[in-house]
Protein backbone atom coordinates (compact mmCIF):
# COMPACT_ATOMS: atom_id res chain seq x y z
CA MET A 1 -10.55 -33.92 19.30
CA ALA A 2 -11.28 -30.19 19.36
CA ASP A 3 -7.61 -29.35 19.10
CA ALA A 4 -6.77 -32.08 16.57
CA LEU A 5 -5.17 -30.94 13.34
CA ARG A 6 -7.54 -31.31 10.40
CA VAL A 7 -6.57 -33.36 7.34
CA LEU A 8 -8.56 -33.67 4.11
CA VAL A 9 -7.81 -36.81 2.06
CA VAL A 10 -8.89 -36.64 -1.59
CA ASP A 11 -8.74 -39.70 -3.84
CA ASP A 12 -11.28 -41.54 -5.98
CA GLU A 13 -9.86 -44.89 -4.83
CA ILE A 14 -12.16 -45.54 -1.87
CA PRO A 15 -10.06 -48.36 -0.34
CA LEU A 16 -6.94 -46.16 -0.43
CA THR A 17 -8.69 -43.23 1.27
CA SER A 18 -9.91 -45.63 3.96
CA VAL A 19 -6.38 -46.92 4.62
CA ILE A 20 -4.85 -43.42 4.71
CA SER A 21 -7.69 -42.17 6.91
CA SER A 22 -7.30 -45.01 9.41
CA TYR A 23 -3.57 -44.33 9.80
CA LEU A 24 -4.14 -40.59 10.24
CA VAL A 25 -6.93 -41.10 12.79
CA ARG A 26 -4.70 -43.42 14.82
CA GLU A 27 -2.08 -40.66 14.84
CA GLY A 28 -4.61 -38.22 16.32
CA PHE A 29 -5.68 -36.27 13.24
CA ASP A 30 -9.26 -35.20 12.51
CA VAL A 31 -9.84 -36.60 8.99
CA SER A 32 -12.34 -35.69 6.26
CA LEU A 33 -12.68 -37.40 2.88
CA ALA A 34 -13.52 -36.29 -0.67
CA HIS A 35 -13.46 -38.24 -3.92
CA THR A 36 -13.77 -35.66 -6.73
CA GLY A 37 -12.07 -32.40 -7.66
CA PRO A 38 -15.15 -30.22 -7.03
CA ASP A 39 -15.83 -31.93 -3.69
CA ALA A 40 -12.21 -31.36 -2.65
CA VAL A 41 -12.54 -27.61 -3.21
CA GLU A 42 -15.91 -27.43 -1.44
CA VAL A 43 -14.79 -29.40 1.62
CA ALA A 44 -11.55 -27.40 1.83
CA ARG A 45 -13.55 -24.16 1.72
CA MET A 46 -16.00 -25.29 4.40
CA GLN A 47 -13.68 -27.12 6.81
CA ARG A 48 -10.41 -25.20 6.43
CA PRO A 49 -8.07 -28.19 6.89
CA ASP A 50 -4.47 -27.79 8.03
CA LEU A 51 -3.26 -30.38 5.50
CA ILE A 52 -4.68 -31.76 2.25
CA VAL A 53 -3.58 -35.08 0.74
CA LEU A 54 -4.64 -34.62 -2.89
CA ASP A 55 -4.54 -37.16 -5.70
CA VAL A 56 -3.74 -35.88 -9.20
CA MET A 57 -6.21 -38.11 -11.07
CA LEU A 58 -9.74 -37.20 -9.94
CA PRO A 59 -13.19 -37.12 -11.55
CA GLY A 60 -14.88 -33.76 -12.11
CA PHE A 61 -11.55 -32.01 -12.55
CA ASP A 62 -8.08 -33.16 -11.64
CA GLY A 63 -6.07 -32.53 -8.50
CA ILE A 64 -3.89 -29.93 -10.18
CA GLU A 65 -6.96 -27.77 -10.92
CA ALA A 66 -8.27 -28.44 -7.41
CA CYS A 67 -4.91 -27.31 -6.00
CA ARG A 68 -5.04 -24.11 -8.05
CA LEU A 69 -8.54 -23.27 -6.81
CA ILE A 70 -7.79 -24.14 -3.18
CA ARG A 71 -4.71 -21.93 -3.20
CA GLY A 72 -6.98 -18.94 -3.88
CA PHE A 73 -8.42 -19.13 -0.36
CA SER A 74 -6.36 -21.58 1.73
CA ASP A 75 -2.84 -21.83 3.16
CA ALA A 76 -3.25 -25.54 3.95
CA TYR A 77 -0.22 -27.69 3.31
CA ILE A 78 -0.85 -29.79 0.20
CA ILE A 79 0.78 -33.15 -0.50
CA MET A 80 -0.05 -34.39 -3.99
CA LEU A 81 -0.33 -38.08 -4.90
CA THR A 82 0.06 -39.67 -8.32
CA ALA A 83 0.28 -43.14 -9.78
CA ARG A 84 2.71 -41.85 -12.39
CA ASP A 85 6.23 -40.71 -11.62
CA GLU A 86 6.08 -38.08 -14.36
CA GLU A 87 8.08 -34.89 -14.06
CA VAL A 88 5.36 -32.86 -15.79
CA ASP A 89 2.85 -33.78 -13.05
CA LYS A 90 5.31 -32.80 -10.34
CA ILE A 91 6.10 -29.47 -12.00
CA LEU A 92 2.42 -28.66 -12.58
CA GLY A 93 1.50 -29.58 -9.02
CA LEU A 94 4.26 -27.46 -7.51
CA THR A 95 3.45 -24.61 -9.89
CA MET A 96 -0.14 -24.60 -8.64
CA GLY A 97 1.01 -24.44 -5.03
CA ALA A 98 1.53 -27.99 -3.77
CA ASP A 99 4.13 -28.28 -1.01
CA ASP A 100 5.23 -31.87 -1.47
CA TYR A 101 4.75 -34.88 -3.72
CA LEU A 102 4.40 -38.65 -3.24
CA VAL A 103 4.32 -41.29 -5.98
CA LYS A 104 2.04 -44.31 -5.57
CA PRO A 105 2.54 -46.85 -4.16
CA PHE A 106 3.81 -45.25 -0.97
CA SER A 107 3.93 -46.18 2.68
CA PRO A 108 1.25 -44.54 4.85
CA ARG A 109 3.96 -44.14 7.47
CA GLU A 110 6.01 -42.09 5.02
CA LEU A 111 2.99 -39.87 4.37
CA ILE A 112 2.47 -39.38 8.11
CA ALA A 113 6.17 -38.60 8.63
CA ARG A 114 6.07 -35.91 5.94
CA ALA A 115 2.80 -34.52 7.26
CA ARG A 116 4.16 -34.22 10.80
CA ALA A 117 7.36 -32.57 9.55
CA MET A 118 5.28 -29.93 7.74
CA LEU A 119 2.82 -29.35 10.55
CA ARG A 120 5.57 -28.78 13.10
CA ARG A 121 6.16 -25.46 11.33
CA PRO A 122 2.87 -23.54 11.28
CA ARG A 123 2.62 -20.95 8.56
CA THR A 124 3.25 -17.83 10.59
CA SER A 125 5.85 -15.15 10.32
CA PRO A 126 8.09 -15.00 13.42
CA ALA A 127 9.34 -11.57 12.39
CA MET A 128 5.78 -10.22 12.41
CA SER A 129 4.85 -11.43 15.91
CA ALA A 130 5.66 -8.21 17.78
CA PRO A 131 3.30 -5.19 17.49
CA GLN A 132 4.55 -2.76 14.88
CA GLU A 133 3.44 0.38 13.10
CA PRO A 134 1.60 -0.06 9.77
CA LEU A 135 3.87 -0.57 6.77
CA THR A 136 3.18 1.76 3.88
CA MET A 137 4.19 2.57 0.34
CA PRO A 138 2.35 4.74 -2.22
CA GLY A 139 -1.14 3.27 -2.61
CA LEU A 140 -0.60 0.37 -0.19
CA VAL A 141 -1.03 0.09 3.61
CA LEU A 142 -0.35 -3.04 5.64
CA ASP A 143 -1.62 -2.90 9.24
CA LEU A 144 0.35 -5.55 11.12
CA GLN A 145 -1.70 -5.41 14.32
CA ALA A 146 -5.11 -5.54 12.59
CA ARG A 147 -3.82 -7.96 9.94
CA SER A 148 -5.47 -5.84 7.26
CA THR A 149 -4.40 -4.62 3.83
CA ALA A 150 -5.67 -1.67 1.83
CA VAL A 151 -4.97 -0.64 -1.76
CA ASP A 152 -5.88 2.98 -2.52
CA GLY A 153 -8.06 2.99 0.59
CA THR A 154 -9.95 -0.21 -0.30
CA VAL A 155 -9.53 -3.22 1.98
CA VAL A 156 -8.18 -6.32 0.23
CA GLU A 157 -8.65 -9.79 1.75
CA LEU A 158 -5.41 -11.79 1.83
CA THR A 159 -4.68 -15.28 3.08
CA ARG A 160 -2.29 -15.57 6.02
CA THR A 161 0.60 -16.58 3.77
CA GLU A 162 -0.07 -13.76 1.29
CA PHE A 163 -0.19 -11.23 4.14
CA ASP A 164 3.07 -12.51 5.67
CA LEU A 165 4.85 -12.51 2.29
CA LEU A 166 3.81 -8.91 1.72
CA ALA A 167 4.88 -8.01 5.27
CA ALA A 168 8.30 -9.61 4.73
CA LEU A 169 8.80 -7.62 1.52
CA MET A 170 7.53 -4.34 2.99
CA SER A 171 9.70 -4.76 6.10
CA ARG A 172 12.78 -4.54 3.86
CA PRO A 173 11.70 -2.14 1.11
CA ASP A 174 15.16 -1.61 -0.34
CA THR A 175 16.14 -5.29 -0.45
CA ALA A 176 15.59 -8.00 -3.04
CA LEU A 177 14.75 -11.15 -1.07
CA THR A 178 15.53 -14.63 -2.32
CA ARG A 179 12.93 -17.39 -2.25
CA ALA A 180 14.92 -19.02 0.55
CA GLN A 181 14.79 -15.82 2.61
CA LEU A 182 11.05 -15.51 2.07
CA ILE A 183 10.54 -19.18 2.99
CA GLU A 184 12.45 -18.64 6.24
CA ALA A 185 10.56 -15.43 7.06
CA VAL A 186 7.07 -16.79 6.34
CA TRP A 187 7.16 -20.59 6.67
CA GLY A 188 10.04 -20.87 9.12
CA PRO A 189 13.58 -22.29 8.87
CA GLY A 190 12.45 -25.92 9.22
CA TRP A 191 10.05 -25.87 6.27
CA ILE A 192 10.32 -28.68 3.74
CA GLY A 193 9.17 -28.59 0.13
CA ASP A 194 9.88 -26.80 -3.12
CA GLU A 195 10.95 -23.13 -2.87
CA HIS A 196 8.96 -22.28 -6.01
CA VAL A 197 5.78 -22.45 -3.92
CA VAL A 198 6.74 -18.82 -3.16
CA ASP A 199 6.06 -17.95 -6.80
CA VAL A 200 2.52 -19.32 -6.54
CA HIS A 201 1.67 -17.22 -3.50
CA VAL A 202 3.28 -14.11 -4.97
CA GLY A 203 1.16 -14.67 -8.10
CA HIS A 204 -2.04 -14.82 -6.02
CA LEU A 205 -0.90 -11.79 -4.02
CA ARG A 206 -0.31 -9.77 -7.18
CA THR A 207 -3.76 -10.68 -8.48
CA LYS A 208 -5.44 -9.49 -5.29
CA LEU A 209 -3.43 -6.26 -5.30
CA SER A 210 -4.23 -5.74 -9.01
CA ASP A 211 -0.48 -5.61 -9.56
CA ASN A 212 0.75 -6.38 -13.08
CA ALA A 213 3.92 -8.48 -13.06
CA THR A 214 5.11 -6.97 -16.37
CA ALA A 215 4.54 -3.38 -15.20
CA PRO A 216 4.51 -3.72 -11.41
CA ARG A 217 3.22 -1.09 -9.05
CA PHE A 218 4.11 -2.85 -5.80
CA ILE A 219 6.08 -6.11 -6.23
CA ARG A 220 8.92 -6.52 -8.68
CA THR A 221 10.56 -9.73 -9.83
CA VAL A 222 14.33 -9.61 -9.47
CA ARG A 223 15.79 -11.93 -12.08
CA ALA A 224 17.93 -14.78 -10.69
CA VAL A 225 17.26 -13.53 -7.14
CA GLY A 226 13.61 -13.40 -6.05
CA TYR A 227 11.29 -10.52 -5.24
CA GLY A 228 11.40 -6.99 -3.89
CA LEU A 229 9.26 -3.88 -3.66
CA VAL A 230 9.06 -1.47 -6.54
CA ILE A 231 11.55 1.31 -5.88
CA PRO A 232 10.03 4.79 -6.39
CA ALA A 233 11.59 6.72 -9.24
């Protein structure tokens, strides 16, 4: 099972986690379980799963807060579960970085089908696969071969998705890229989910670069389009 993809299932309904886990194990996944919000974050940090199945209603703190915290250090695909088909839960979950959403009750086979569709497209940037010279702009250096980022000479730790988003933007410094273009460049053309997950990762990226969205130094928001680099005056 050394090469098995890792899945973390988080729900306080023990029988449900057992059912989901048994289906996933039969499909060849390596499965871990958690039953509270804090435990979800801790297990995700320690085990680095490829996919997280995350219930909204959890003790400790809810799945939406867990999703927000996990997104600070993990690029795992996140499928959120809820017993309520409420639009506000869906919007909050996607805003915090969830990739997909399932309303209870659902078929475990549907969950597995969605999981496999996501995991067929690993989060890598095809455009960044070939060795290239470092990408630079005033105050910012992105070394594509070393996979390192520096702001004013200080190394900044980025997740894989954050790094690839920044690389996609810096590769086309004079272009405003749409969310769809960034999805294709970073997640791949077969990705499924809500395009606004890009906004979540850009938000985390800006925080790590100490970049103010209202007075940006590096990444600008292009209204009704997407994102681009700040154009020097």
